[in-house]
């Protein structure tokens, strides 16, 4: 499974269905789900190639910030 399919599965576990609206709602309201989303984004970008991979340092910093804000320890 790639990171995008796993993010869909995470959303399904949280809401019982998948939609982009559910992901956006979870990001806005659940601090622990934000950590999962940034983790999946880092995994997906690390698996990609080309120009998108150049954004990985930004998403690593974003993931570090969201783990700090959620008071969690989940290294990438």
Protein backbone atom coordinates (compact mmCIF):
# COMPACT_ATOMS: atom_id res chain seq x y z
CA UNK A 1 0.00 0.00 0.00
CA UNK A 2 1.23 3.46 -0.72
CA UNK A 3 0.97 6.37 1.72
CA UNK A 4 -2.12 7.84 0.04
CA UNK A 5 -4.07 4.59 0.40
CA UNK A 6 -3.00 4.36 4.04
CA UNK A 7 -4.23 7.93 4.65
CA UNK A 8 -7.58 6.93 3.16
CA UNK A 9 -7.65 3.94 5.51
CA UNK A 10 -6.84 6.19 8.48
CA UNK A 11 -9.75 8.43 7.54
CA UNK A 12 -12.04 5.44 7.16
CA UNK A 13 -11.08 4.20 10.62
CA UNK A 14 -11.85 7.62 12.07
CA UNK A 15 -15.15 8.35 10.28
CA UNK A 16 -16.37 5.07 8.83
CA UNK A 17 -16.03 6.45 5.31
CA UNK A 18 -13.52 8.30 3.18
CA UNK A 19 -13.91 11.71 1.61
CA UNK A 20 -11.66 14.72 1.24
CA UNK A 21 -14.14 16.63 3.38
CA UNK A 22 -13.53 14.16 6.23
CA UNK A 23 -9.76 14.66 5.94
CA UNK A 24 -10.10 18.45 6.02
CA UNK A 25 -12.52 18.27 8.94
CA UNK A 26 -10.17 16.00 10.88
CA UNK A 27 -7.18 18.26 10.21
CA UNK A 28 -9.16 21.26 11.45
CA UNK A 29 -10.58 19.65 14.59
CA UNK A 30 -8.33 16.80 15.75
CA UNK A 31 -4.77 17.58 16.75
CA UNK A 32 -3.73 13.92 16.83
CA UNK A 33 -5.05 13.30 13.31
CA UNK A 34 -2.93 16.22 12.04
CA UNK A 35 0.15 14.28 13.13
CA UNK A 36 -1.01 11.23 11.16
CA UNK A 37 -1.68 13.35 8.06
CA UNK A 38 1.75 15.00 8.14
CA UNK A 39 3.36 11.59 8.70
CA UNK A 40 1.54 10.18 5.65
CA UNK A 41 2.48 13.25 3.59
CA UNK A 42 6.15 12.77 4.48
CA UNK A 43 5.93 9.08 3.57
CA UNK A 44 4.19 9.82 0.29
CA UNK A 45 6.62 12.54 -0.72
CA UNK A 46 9.61 10.38 0.23
CA UNK A 47 8.30 7.63 -2.06
CA UNK A 48 7.77 10.06 -4.93
CA UNK A 49 10.33 11.25 -7.41
CA UNK A 50 11.05 14.46 -9.19
CA UNK A 51 10.32 17.99 -8.10
CA UNK A 52 7.80 16.97 -5.42
CA UNK A 53 10.55 15.28 -3.44
CA UNK A 54 12.26 18.65 -3.00
CA UNK A 55 9.43 19.68 -0.65
CA UNK A 56 10.27 16.89 1.83
CA UNK A 57 12.30 19.12 4.22
CA UNK A 58 9.32 21.49 4.51
CA UNK A 59 6.95 18.64 5.32
CA UNK A 60 9.41 17.20 7.85
CA UNK A 61 9.42 20.54 9.66
CA UNK A 62 5.62 20.67 9.44
CA UNK A 63 5.43 17.17 10.93
CA UNK A 64 7.80 18.14 13.73
CA UNK A 65 5.65 21.19 14.49
CA UNK A 66 2.39 19.21 14.53
CA UNK A 67 3.85 16.56 16.84
CA UNK A 68 5.03 19.33 19.15
CA UNK A 69 1.61 21.03 19.07
CA UNK A 70 -0.17 17.74 19.81
CA UNK A 71 2.29 16.91 22.62
CA UNK A 72 3.14 13.63 20.91
CA UNK A 73 6.39 11.89 20.11
CA UNK A 74 6.07 10.32 16.66
CA UNK A 75 9.30 10.67 14.72
CA UNK A 76 9.23 10.37 10.98
